[in-house]
Amino acid sequence: MAFIEVIEPEQATGLLRGIYDGLVLSRGKVADVHKIQSLHPETIQAHMDLYMSVMFSASPLSRAEREMMAVVVSMQNGCPYCQEHHGQALNHYWKDHDRLARLRADPATADLSARELALCGFAQLVTRDPSASSDGAAVAGLKAAGLNDRAILDAALVIGYFNFVNRIVLSLGVELETNPGGYKY
């Protein structure tokens, strides 16, 4: 149960009601990660704008690569909510539950390409110790794996976004919904 008050969709009015209705229309339903922000509705819209840009806009990174990094960051942070939600999204592309389980256990066992392994390593490093990447070696490793500067920027944005969201979820007690699936990808 959340540690702060949450306004459920059936109690929402005004701006919050419009935001919830828009989420149902665009995503299929309202996630608890959005409901936790219901006392400050403007942040839900800003959050969704950032999420849609980072995860769905045109990018040299595939949607699967972005979801894969979301799972890896969420594993590093111990965030079961985001691991489950973004694991389901990743498996929408992978269609391999066993591979997803191996990614969650250890990315090195998940039959990943060199590029995917480099992205996972970058996600782990930046999440565990952001200053460890400040010498440029991590970015050089991504370039050696064939990623261009835009792909590296997008990877950093995905990693930063999920570190942000994991902290909201964990610190405010957002629990995994009974039925966490059913979103439009």
N, C-alpha and C. Protein backbone atom coordinates (compact mmCIF):
# COMPACT_ATOMS: atom_id res chain seq x y z
N MET A 1 0.84 -1.18 0.00
CA MET A 1 0.00 0.00 0.00
C MET A 1 0.88 1.24 0.00
N ALA A 2 0.48 2.23 -0.75
CA ALA A 2 1.25 3.47 -0.86
C ALA A 2 1.36 4.15 0.51
N PHE A 3 2.47 4.83 0.71
CA PHE A 3 2.72 5.51 1.98
C PHE A 3 2.09 6.90 2.03
N ILE A 4 1.56 7.37 0.90
CA ILE A 4 0.88 8.67 0.86
C ILE A 4 -0.50 8.49 0.23
N GLU A 5 -1.34 9.50 0.37
CA GLU A 5 -2.68 9.46 -0.21
C GLU A 5 -2.60 9.35 -1.73
N VAL A 6 -3.50 8.54 -2.29
CA VAL A 6 -3.60 8.37 -3.74
C VAL A 6 -5.06 8.57 -4.12
N ILE A 7 -5.29 9.35 -5.16
CA ILE A 7 -6.65 9.55 -5.67
C ILE A 7 -6.88 8.55 -6.80
N GLU A 8 -7.83 7.66 -6.59
CA GLU A 8 -8.15 6.64 -7.58
C GLU A 8 -8.93 7.26 -8.73
N PRO A 9 -8.90 6.63 -9.90
CA PRO A 9 -9.60 7.18 -11.07
C PRO A 9 -11.08 7.48 -10.83
N GLU A 10 -11.76 6.63 -10.09
CA GLU A 10 -13.20 6.86 -9.86
C GLU A 10 -13.48 8.06 -8.96
N GLN A 11 -12.47 8.54 -8.21
CA GLN A 11 -12.64 9.73 -7.37
C GLN A 11 -12.05 11.00 -8.02
N ALA A 12 -11.38 10.85 -9.14
CA ALA A 12 -10.69 11.98 -9.76
C ALA A 12 -11.67 12.96 -10.39
N THR A 13 -11.30 14.24 -10.30
CA THR A 13 -12.09 15.30 -10.94
C THR A 13 -11.13 16.27 -11.63
N GLY A 14 -11.69 17.14 -12.43
CA GLY A 14 -10.92 18.22 -13.04
C GLY A 14 -9.74 17.74 -13.86
N LEU A 15 -8.61 18.41 -13.67
CA LEU A 15 -7.39 18.11 -14.41
C LEU A 15 -6.98 16.65 -14.24
N LEU A 16 -7.02 16.15 -13.01
CA LEU A 16 -6.62 14.77 -12.75
C LEU A 16 -7.51 13.79 -13.52
N ARG A 17 -8.80 14.05 -13.56
CA ARG A 17 -9.73 13.19 -14.29
C ARG A 17 -9.35 13.16 -15.78
N GLY A 18 -9.04 14.33 -16.34
CA GLY A 18 -8.65 14.39 -17.75
C GLY A 18 -7.35 13.63 -18.03
N ILE A 19 -6.41 13.74 -17.10
CA ILE A 19 -5.14 13.02 -17.26
C ILE A 19 -5.36 11.52 -17.19
N TYR A 20 -6.13 11.09 -16.20
CA TYR A 20 -6.43 9.65 -16.08
C TYR A 20 -7.14 9.14 -17.33
N ASP A 21 -8.13 9.89 -17.81
CA ASP A 21 -8.86 9.46 -19.02
C ASP A 21 -7.91 9.37 -20.22
N GLY A 22 -6.99 10.32 -20.32
CA GLY A 22 -6.01 10.29 -21.41
C GLY A 22 -5.08 9.08 -21.31
N LEU A 23 -4.69 8.72 -20.08
CA LEU A 23 -3.84 7.54 -19.89
C LEU A 23 -4.57 6.25 -20.31
N VAL A 24 -5.83 6.16 -19.95
CA VAL A 24 -6.61 4.98 -20.34
C VAL A 24 -6.71 4.91 -21.86
N LEU A 25 -6.93 6.04 -22.49
CA LEU A 25 -7.05 6.08 -23.94
C LEU A 25 -5.73 5.72 -24.63
N SER A 26 -4.63 6.28 -24.16
CA SER A 26 -3.34 6.07 -24.83
C SER A 26 -2.61 4.81 -24.39
N ARG A 27 -2.73 4.43 -23.13
CA ARG A 27 -1.94 3.31 -22.60
C ARG A 27 -2.77 2.09 -22.26
N GLY A 28 -4.10 2.25 -22.19
CA GLY A 28 -4.96 1.11 -21.89
C GLY A 28 -5.46 1.10 -20.46
N LYS A 29 -4.72 1.73 -19.55
CA LYS A 29 -5.15 1.83 -18.15
C LYS A 29 -4.21 2.78 -17.42
N VAL A 30 -4.54 3.07 -16.17
CA VAL A 30 -3.74 3.95 -15.33
C VAL A 30 -2.87 3.09 -14.42
N ALA A 31 -1.57 3.26 -14.51
CA ALA A 31 -0.62 2.51 -13.67
C ALA A 31 -0.52 3.16 -12.29
N ASP A 32 -0.18 2.36 -11.31
CA ASP A 32 -0.01 2.88 -9.95
C ASP A 32 1.12 3.90 -9.86
N VAL A 33 2.14 3.79 -10.73
CA VAL A 33 3.22 4.76 -10.73
C VAL A 33 2.69 6.16 -11.09
N HIS A 34 1.58 6.22 -11.81
CA HIS A 34 0.97 7.51 -12.11
C HIS A 34 0.02 7.94 -10.99
N LYS A 35 -0.71 6.99 -10.44
CA LYS A 35 -1.63 7.33 -9.35
C LYS A 35 -0.88 7.88 -8.14
N ILE A 36 0.37 7.44 -7.92
CA ILE A 36 1.12 7.92 -6.76
C ILE A 36 1.37 9.43 -6.86
N GLN A 37 1.27 9.98 -8.05
CA GLN A 37 1.48 11.41 -8.27
C GLN A 37 0.16 12.19 -8.31
N SER A 38 -0.93 11.55 -7.93
CA SER A 38 -2.26 12.15 -8.10
C SER A 38 -2.48 13.43 -7.30
N LEU A 39 -1.73 13.64 -6.24
CA LEU A 39 -1.87 14.88 -5.47
C LEU A 39 -1.24 16.08 -6.19
N HIS A 40 -0.48 15.82 -7.22
CA HIS A 40 0.17 16.86 -8.03
C HIS A 40 0.03 16.46 -9.51
N PRO A 41 -1.18 16.60 -10.06
CA PRO A 41 -1.49 16.07 -11.39
C PRO A 41 -0.56 16.56 -12.50
N GLU A 42 -0.08 17.78 -12.40
CA GLU A 42 0.79 18.29 -13.45
C GLU A 42 2.03 17.42 -13.62
N THR A 43 2.50 16.81 -12.53
CA THR A 43 3.69 15.96 -12.64
C THR A 43 3.40 14.67 -13.41
N ILE A 44 2.16 14.21 -13.37
CA ILE A 44 1.82 13.01 -14.13
C ILE A 44 1.99 13.29 -15.62
N GLN A 45 1.49 14.43 -16.06
CA GLN A 45 1.60 14.77 -17.48
C GLN A 45 3.06 14.97 -17.89
N ALA A 46 3.82 15.69 -17.07
CA ALA A 46 5.24 15.88 -17.37
C ALA A 46 5.98 14.54 -17.37
N HIS A 47 5.64 13.69 -16.42
CA HIS A 47 6.23 12.35 -16.33
C HIS A 47 5.93 11.56 -17.61
N MET A 48 4.67 11.58 -18.04
CA MET A 48 4.30 10.82 -19.25
C MET A 48 4.96 11.40 -20.50
N ASP A 49 5.08 12.71 -20.57
CA ASP A 49 5.77 13.32 -21.72
C ASP A 49 7.22 12.84 -21.77
N LEU A 50 7.89 12.84 -20.64
CA LEU A 50 9.28 12.38 -20.59
C LEU A 50 9.35 10.89 -20.94
N TYR A 51 8.50 10.09 -20.34
CA TYR A 51 8.47 8.66 -20.60
C TYR A 51 8.26 8.37 -22.08
N MET A 52 7.29 9.01 -22.68
CA MET A 52 7.00 8.75 -24.10
C MET A 52 8.17 9.17 -24.98
N SER A 53 8.81 10.26 -24.65
CA SER A 53 9.96 10.71 -25.43
C SER A 53 11.15 9.76 -25.29
N VAL A 54 11.46 9.38 -24.06
CA VAL A 54 12.61 8.52 -23.80
C VAL A 54 12.39 7.11 -24.34
N MET A 55 11.19 6.58 -24.17
CA MET A 55 10.96 5.17 -24.48
C MET A 55 10.34 4.91 -25.85
N PHE A 56 9.65 5.88 -26.45
CA PHE A 56 8.91 5.62 -27.67
C PHE A 56 9.31 6.46 -28.87
N SER A 57 10.09 7.51 -28.68
CA SER A 57 10.43 8.37 -29.82
C SER A 57 11.45 7.66 -30.72
N ALA A 58 11.62 8.19 -31.91
CA ALA A 58 12.61 7.64 -32.84
C ALA A 58 13.99 7.66 -32.18
N SER A 59 14.71 6.57 -32.34
CA SER A 59 16.00 6.43 -31.67
C SER A 59 16.83 5.37 -32.39
N PRO A 60 18.16 5.49 -32.33
CA PRO A 60 18.99 4.40 -32.82
C PRO A 60 18.86 3.14 -31.96
N LEU A 61 18.31 3.29 -30.76
CA LEU A 61 18.06 2.15 -29.89
C LEU A 61 16.67 1.59 -30.18
N SER A 62 16.58 0.28 -30.25
CA SER A 62 15.27 -0.34 -30.46
C SER A 62 14.43 -0.21 -29.19
N ARG A 63 13.13 -0.42 -29.33
CA ARG A 63 12.26 -0.43 -28.17
C ARG A 63 12.71 -1.54 -27.21
N ALA A 64 13.07 -2.70 -27.76
CA ALA A 64 13.50 -3.81 -26.92
C ALA A 64 14.77 -3.45 -26.14
N GLU A 65 15.71 -2.78 -26.77
CA GLU A 65 16.93 -2.37 -26.06
C GLU A 65 16.60 -1.42 -24.91
N ARG A 66 15.67 -0.51 -25.14
CA ARG A 66 15.30 0.43 -24.09
C ARG A 66 14.60 -0.29 -22.94
N GLU A 67 13.70 -1.22 -23.27
CA GLU A 67 13.03 -1.98 -22.21
C GLU A 67 14.02 -2.87 -21.47
N MET A 68 14.98 -3.43 -22.19
CA MET A 68 16.01 -4.26 -21.57
C MET A 68 16.80 -3.44 -20.53
N MET A 69 17.19 -2.23 -20.89
CA MET A 69 17.91 -1.38 -19.94
C MET A 69 17.01 -1.00 -18.77
N ALA A 70 15.72 -0.79 -19.01
CA ALA A 70 14.78 -0.48 -17.92
C ALA A 70 14.77 -1.62 -16.91
N VAL A 71 14.76 -2.86 -17.40
CA VAL A 71 14.76 -4.02 -16.51
C VAL A 71 16.08 -4.09 -15.74
N VAL A 72 17.19 -3.86 -16.42
CA VAL A 72 18.51 -3.95 -15.77
C VAL A 72 18.65 -2.87 -14.68
N VAL A 73 18.27 -1.64 -14.98
CA VAL A 73 18.32 -0.57 -13.97
C VAL A 73 17.43 -0.94 -12.78
N SER A 74 16.23 -1.42 -13.06
CA SER A 74 15.28 -1.75 -11.99
C SER A 74 15.77 -2.93 -11.16
N MET A 75 16.49 -3.86 -11.78
CA MET A 75 17.11 -4.96 -11.03
C MET A 75 18.17 -4.40 -10.09
N GLN A 76 19.02 -3.52 -10.61
CA GLN A 76 20.09 -2.94 -9.79
C GLN A 76 19.52 -2.19 -8.59
N ASN A 77 18.38 -1.55 -8.78
CA ASN A 77 17.77 -0.76 -7.71
C ASN A 77 16.84 -1.57 -6.82
N GLY A 78 16.60 -2.84 -7.16
CA GLY A 78 15.69 -3.66 -6.36
C GLY A 78 14.26 -3.18 -6.45
N CYS A 79 13.82 -2.81 -7.65
CA CYS A 79 12.47 -2.28 -7.85
C CYS A 79 11.60 -3.33 -8.57
N PRO A 80 10.90 -4.18 -7.80
CA PRO A 80 10.09 -5.22 -8.43
C PRO A 80 8.98 -4.67 -9.33
N TYR A 81 8.42 -3.53 -8.96
CA TYR A 81 7.34 -2.93 -9.75
C TYR A 81 7.81 -2.68 -11.18
N CYS A 82 8.92 -1.98 -11.34
CA CYS A 82 9.41 -1.65 -12.68
C CYS A 82 10.00 -2.86 -13.38
N GLN A 83 10.60 -3.78 -12.62
CA GLN A 83 11.09 -5.02 -13.24
C GLN A 83 9.94 -5.76 -13.90
N GLU A 84 8.82 -5.87 -13.22
CA GLU A 84 7.68 -6.60 -13.77
C GLU A 84 7.05 -5.87 -14.95
N HIS A 85 6.77 -4.59 -14.78
CA HIS A 85 6.13 -3.84 -15.86
C HIS A 85 7.00 -3.83 -17.13
N HIS A 86 8.27 -3.55 -16.95
CA HIS A 86 9.13 -3.42 -18.13
C HIS A 86 9.66 -4.77 -18.59
N GLY A 87 9.64 -5.76 -17.71
CA GLY A 87 9.90 -7.12 -18.15
C GLY A 87 8.80 -7.60 -19.09
N GLN A 88 7.56 -7.29 -18.75
CA GLN A 88 6.45 -7.65 -19.64
C GLN A 88 6.57 -6.92 -20.97
N ALA A 89 6.93 -5.65 -20.93
CA ALA A 89 7.10 -4.90 -22.18
C ALA A 89 8.24 -5.50 -23.01
N LEU A 90 9.36 -5.84 -22.37
CA LEU A 90 10.48 -6.44 -23.08
C LEU A 90 10.07 -7.77 -23.69
N ASN A 91 9.34 -8.57 -22.94
CA ASN A 91 8.94 -9.86 -23.46
C ASN A 91 7.93 -9.74 -24.59
N HIS A 92 7.25 -8.61 -24.68
CA HIS A 92 6.39 -8.35 -25.84
C HIS A 92 7.23 -8.40 -27.12
N TYR A 93 8.47 -7.96 -27.04
CA TYR A 93 9.38 -7.98 -28.19
C TYR A 93 10.17 -9.29 -28.27
N TRP A 94 10.67 -9.76 -27.15
CA TRP A 94 11.49 -10.97 -27.14
C TRP A 94 10.67 -12.24 -27.33
N LYS A 95 9.50 -12.27 -26.70
CA LYS A 95 8.65 -13.46 -26.72
C LYS A 95 9.41 -14.71 -26.22
N ASP A 96 10.12 -14.54 -25.11
CA ASP A 96 10.94 -15.62 -24.57
C ASP A 96 11.06 -15.43 -23.05
N HIS A 97 10.16 -16.04 -22.30
CA HIS A 97 10.13 -15.89 -20.84
C HIS A 97 11.43 -16.38 -20.20
N ASP A 98 12.00 -17.46 -20.75
CA ASP A 98 13.23 -18.00 -20.19
C ASP A 98 14.39 -17.00 -20.35
N ARG A 99 14.47 -16.39 -21.50
CA ARG A 99 15.53 -15.40 -21.74
C ARG A 99 15.37 -14.21 -20.79
N LEU A 100 14.13 -13.78 -20.59
CA LEU A 100 13.86 -12.68 -19.67
C LEU A 100 14.30 -13.06 -18.25
N ALA A 101 14.00 -14.28 -17.84
CA ALA A 101 14.41 -14.74 -16.51
C ALA A 101 15.93 -14.75 -16.39
N ARG A 102 16.62 -15.15 -17.45
CA ARG A 102 18.08 -15.15 -17.43
C ARG A 102 18.62 -13.72 -17.37
N LEU A 103 17.99 -12.79 -18.09
CA LEU A 103 18.40 -11.38 -18.02
C LEU A 103 18.29 -10.89 -16.58
N ARG A 104 17.20 -11.22 -15.93
CA ARG A 104 16.98 -10.77 -14.56
C ARG A 104 18.00 -11.39 -13.61
N ALA A 105 18.39 -12.61 -13.87
CA ALA A 105 19.37 -13.28 -13.01
C ALA A 105 20.78 -12.74 -13.25
N ASP A 106 21.15 -12.62 -14.52
CA ASP A 106 22.49 -12.16 -14.90
C ASP A 106 22.49 -11.91 -16.40
N PRO A 107 22.58 -10.66 -16.82
CA PRO A 107 22.53 -10.36 -18.26
C PRO A 107 23.53 -11.17 -19.10
N ALA A 108 24.64 -11.56 -18.51
CA ALA A 108 25.64 -12.32 -19.25
C ALA A 108 25.13 -13.70 -19.68
N THR A 109 24.04 -14.16 -19.07
CA THR A 109 23.49 -15.49 -19.40
C THR A 109 22.30 -15.42 -20.34
N ALA A 110 21.95 -14.24 -20.83
CA ALA A 110 20.69 -14.05 -21.57
C ALA A 110 20.85 -14.07 -23.09
N ASP A 111 21.94 -14.64 -23.59
CA ASP A 111 22.14 -14.71 -25.05
C ASP A 111 22.01 -13.34 -25.71
N LEU A 112 22.72 -12.36 -25.17
CA LEU A 112 22.68 -11.01 -25.68
C LEU A 112 23.80 -10.78 -26.68
N SER A 113 23.55 -9.88 -27.61
CA SER A 113 24.60 -9.47 -28.55
C SER A 113 25.64 -8.63 -27.81
N ALA A 114 26.76 -8.39 -28.44
CA ALA A 114 27.79 -7.54 -27.83
C ALA A 114 27.23 -6.15 -27.56
N ARG A 115 26.43 -5.65 -28.46
CA ARG A 115 25.80 -4.33 -28.28
C ARG A 115 24.88 -4.34 -27.06
N GLU A 116 24.03 -5.37 -26.95
CA GLU A 116 23.11 -5.47 -25.82
C GLU A 116 23.87 -5.62 -24.50
N LEU A 117 24.92 -6.43 -24.51
CA LEU A 117 25.74 -6.59 -23.30
C LEU A 117 26.38 -5.26 -22.89
N ALA A 118 26.85 -4.50 -23.88
CA ALA A 118 27.44 -3.20 -23.58
C ALA A 118 26.40 -2.26 -22.96
N LEU A 119 25.20 -2.27 -23.50
CA LEU A 119 24.13 -1.43 -22.95
C LEU A 119 23.77 -1.86 -21.53
N CYS A 120 23.69 -3.16 -21.29
CA CYS A 120 23.40 -3.65 -19.93
C CYS A 120 24.51 -3.28 -18.96
N GLY A 121 25.76 -3.43 -19.39
CA GLY A 121 26.88 -3.06 -18.54
C GLY A 121 26.88 -1.58 -18.20
N PHE A 122 26.56 -0.75 -19.19
CA PHE A 122 26.47 0.69 -18.97
C PHE A 122 25.35 0.99 -17.98
N ALA A 123 24.20 0.34 -18.15
CA ALA A 123 23.07 0.55 -17.24
C ALA A 123 23.44 0.14 -15.81
N GLN A 124 24.13 -0.98 -15.67
CA GLN A 124 24.54 -1.43 -14.33
C GLN A 124 25.53 -0.44 -13.71
N LEU A 125 26.53 -0.05 -14.48
CA LEU A 125 27.57 0.85 -13.96
C LEU A 125 26.99 2.20 -13.54
N VAL A 126 26.22 2.81 -14.42
CA VAL A 126 25.69 4.15 -14.14
C VAL A 126 24.71 4.11 -12.98
N THR A 127 23.99 3.01 -12.83
CA THR A 127 23.04 2.89 -11.72
C THR A 127 23.77 2.66 -10.40
N ARG A 128 24.75 1.77 -10.41
CA ARG A 128 25.50 1.46 -9.17
C ARG A 128 26.37 2.61 -8.72
N ASP A 129 27.06 3.24 -9.67
CA ASP A 129 28.06 4.25 -9.31
C ASP A 129 28.21 5.24 -10.47
N PRO A 130 27.34 6.23 -10.55
CA PRO A 130 27.39 7.16 -11.68
C PRO A 130 28.75 7.81 -11.89
N SER A 131 29.46 8.09 -10.82
CA SER A 131 30.76 8.76 -10.98
C SER A 131 31.80 7.84 -11.59
N ALA A 132 31.59 6.52 -11.55
CA ALA A 132 32.55 5.58 -12.13
C ALA A 132 32.64 5.71 -13.65
N SER A 133 31.62 6.31 -14.24
CA SER A 133 31.63 6.47 -15.70
C SER A 133 32.13 7.84 -16.13
N SER A 134 32.54 8.66 -15.18
CA SER A 134 32.90 10.05 -15.51
C SER A 134 34.24 10.19 -16.22
N ASP A 135 35.01 9.11 -16.32
CA ASP A 135 36.28 9.21 -17.04
C ASP A 135 36.14 8.95 -18.54
N GLY A 136 34.92 8.61 -19.00
CA GLY A 136 34.69 8.40 -20.42
C GLY A 136 34.91 6.98 -20.90
N ALA A 137 35.43 6.11 -20.04
CA ALA A 137 35.72 4.73 -20.45
C ALA A 137 34.44 3.98 -20.80
N ALA A 138 33.37 4.21 -20.04
CA ALA A 138 32.11 3.51 -20.31
C ALA A 138 31.54 3.93 -21.67
N VAL A 139 31.61 5.21 -21.97
CA VAL A 139 31.14 5.69 -23.28
C VAL A 139 32.02 5.14 -24.39
N ALA A 140 33.32 5.07 -24.16
CA ALA A 140 34.23 4.49 -25.15
C ALA A 140 33.88 3.03 -25.42
N GLY A 141 33.48 2.31 -24.37
CA GLY A 141 33.06 0.93 -24.53
C GLY A 141 31.81 0.80 -25.37
N LEU A 142 30.88 1.74 -25.20
CA LEU A 142 29.67 1.73 -26.02
C LEU A 142 30.00 2.03 -27.48
N LYS A 143 30.90 2.97 -27.69
CA LYS A 143 31.32 3.28 -29.06
C LYS A 143 32.01 2.08 -29.70
N ALA A 144 32.82 1.38 -28.93
CA ALA A 144 33.50 0.18 -29.45
C ALA A 144 32.49 -0.91 -29.80
N ALA A 145 31.33 -0.91 -29.15
CA ALA A 145 30.27 -1.89 -29.44
C ALA A 145 29.41 -1.44 -30.61
N GLY A 146 29.76 -0.29 -31.22
CA GLY A 146 29.05 0.17 -32.42
C GLY A 146 27.95 1.18 -32.20
N LEU A 147 27.82 1.69 -30.99
CA LEU A 147 26.78 2.68 -30.73
C LEU A 147 27.28 4.07 -31.08
N ASN A 148 26.43 4.84 -31.75
CA ASN A 148 26.79 6.21 -32.08
C ASN A 148 26.42 7.15 -30.92
N ASP A 149 26.80 8.40 -31.05
CA ASP A 149 26.58 9.35 -29.95
C ASP A 149 25.11 9.50 -29.59
N ARG A 150 24.22 9.52 -30.58
CA ARG A 150 22.79 9.64 -30.28
C ARG A 150 22.30 8.42 -29.51
N ALA A 151 22.75 7.23 -29.88
CA ALA A 151 22.35 6.03 -29.16
C ALA A 151 22.85 6.07 -27.72
N ILE A 152 24.05 6.58 -27.54
CA ILE A 152 24.62 6.68 -26.18
C ILE A 152 23.84 7.70 -25.36
N LEU A 153 23.49 8.82 -25.95
CA LEU A 153 22.64 9.80 -25.25
C LEU A 153 21.32 9.15 -24.86
N ASP A 154 20.69 8.45 -25.80
CA ASP A 154 19.40 7.83 -25.51
C ASP A 154 19.54 6.78 -24.41
N ALA A 155 20.63 6.03 -24.41
CA ALA A 155 20.86 5.05 -23.34
C ALA A 155 20.96 5.76 -21.98
N ALA A 156 21.71 6.85 -21.93
CA ALA A 156 21.84 7.61 -20.68
C ALA A 156 20.48 8.15 -20.23
N LEU A 157 19.65 8.57 -21.18
CA LEU A 157 18.32 9.07 -20.83
C LEU A 157 17.44 7.95 -20.26
N VAL A 158 17.48 6.78 -20.85
CA VAL A 158 16.71 5.64 -20.34
C VAL A 158 17.18 5.30 -18.93
N ILE A 159 18.47 5.21 -18.75
CA ILE A 159 19.04 4.86 -17.44
C ILE A 159 18.67 5.92 -16.40
N GLY A 160 18.82 7.18 -16.74
CA GLY A 160 18.47 8.25 -15.81
C GLY A 160 16.98 8.24 -15.48
N TYR A 161 16.15 8.05 -16.49
CA TYR A 161 14.69 8.02 -16.28
C TYR A 161 14.32 6.91 -15.30
N PHE A 162 14.85 5.70 -15.51
CA PHE A 162 14.45 4.60 -14.64
C PHE A 162 15.03 4.71 -13.24
N ASN A 163 16.18 5.32 -13.09
CA ASN A 163 16.67 5.59 -11.74
C ASN A 163 15.73 6.56 -11.03
N PHE A 164 15.24 7.55 -11.74
CA PHE A 164 14.26 8.52 -11.22
C PHE A 164 12.98 7.81 -10.80
N VAL A 165 12.40 7.04 -11.69
CA VAL A 165 11.12 6.39 -11.41
C VAL A 165 11.26 5.32 -10.33
N ASN A 166 12.34 4.55 -10.36
CA ASN A 166 12.54 3.54 -9.31
C ASN A 166 12.52 4.20 -7.94
N ARG A 167 13.10 5.36 -7.82
CA ARG A 167 13.15 6.04 -6.53
C ARG A 167 11.78 6.52 -6.07
N ILE A 168 10.96 6.98 -7.00
CA ILE A 168 9.59 7.36 -6.65
C ILE A 168 8.83 6.12 -6.17
N VAL A 169 8.90 5.06 -6.94
CA VAL A 169 8.17 3.83 -6.63
C VAL A 169 8.59 3.27 -5.27
N LEU A 170 9.89 3.14 -5.07
CA LEU A 170 10.39 2.52 -3.84
C LEU A 170 10.15 3.39 -2.61
N SER A 171 10.39 4.70 -2.72
CA SER A 171 10.30 5.56 -1.54
C SER A 171 8.87 5.85 -1.13
N LEU A 172 7.91 5.73 -2.07
CA LEU A 172 6.52 6.05 -1.74
C LEU A 172 5.64 4.81 -1.61
N GLY A 173 6.24 3.62 -1.68
CA GLY A 173 5.49 2.39 -1.42
C GLY A 173 4.56 1.96 -2.52
N VAL A 174 4.90 2.22 -3.76
CA VAL A 174 4.06 1.77 -4.87
C VAL A 174 4.22 0.25 -4.99
N GLU A 175 3.11 -0.45 -4.90
CA GLU A 175 3.13 -1.91 -4.98
C GLU A 175 2.68 -2.36 -6.36
N LEU A 176 3.11 -3.54 -6.73
CA LEU A 176 2.73 -4.12 -8.00
C LEU A 176 1.24 -4.41 -8.00
N GLU A 177 0.56 -3.99 -9.05
CA GLU A 177 -0.87 -4.23 -9.17
C GLU A 177 -1.16 -5.73 -9.27
N THR A 178 -2.37 -6.10 -8.95
CA THR A 178 -2.80 -7.50 -9.07
C THR A 178 -2.65 -7.99 -10.50
N ASN A 179 -2.99 -7.14 -11.47
CA ASN A 179 -2.84 -7.48 -12.88
C ASN A 179 -2.00 -6.40 -13.53
N PRO A 180 -0.65 -6.56 -13.51
CA PRO A 180 0.22 -5.49 -14.00
C PRO A 180 0.30 -5.37 -15.52
N GLY A 181 -0.26 -6.28 -16.26
CA GLY A 181 -0.18 -6.24 -17.73
C GLY A 181 -1.32 -5.45 -18.34
N GLY A 182 -1.46 -5.61 -19.64
CA GLY A 182 -2.58 -5.01 -20.35
C GLY A 182 -2.32 -3.63 -20.92
N TYR A 183 -1.07 -3.24 -21.02
CA TYR A 183 -0.75 -1.93 -21.57
C TYR A 183 -0.54 -2.02 -23.07
N LYS A 184 -0.73 -0.90 -23.74
CA LYS A 184 -0.46 -0.81 -25.16
C LYS A 184 1.02 -0.51 -25.34
N TYR A 185 1.71 -1.33 -26.15
CA TYR A 185 3.12 -1.10 -26.40
C TYR A 185 3.34 -0.44 -27.72
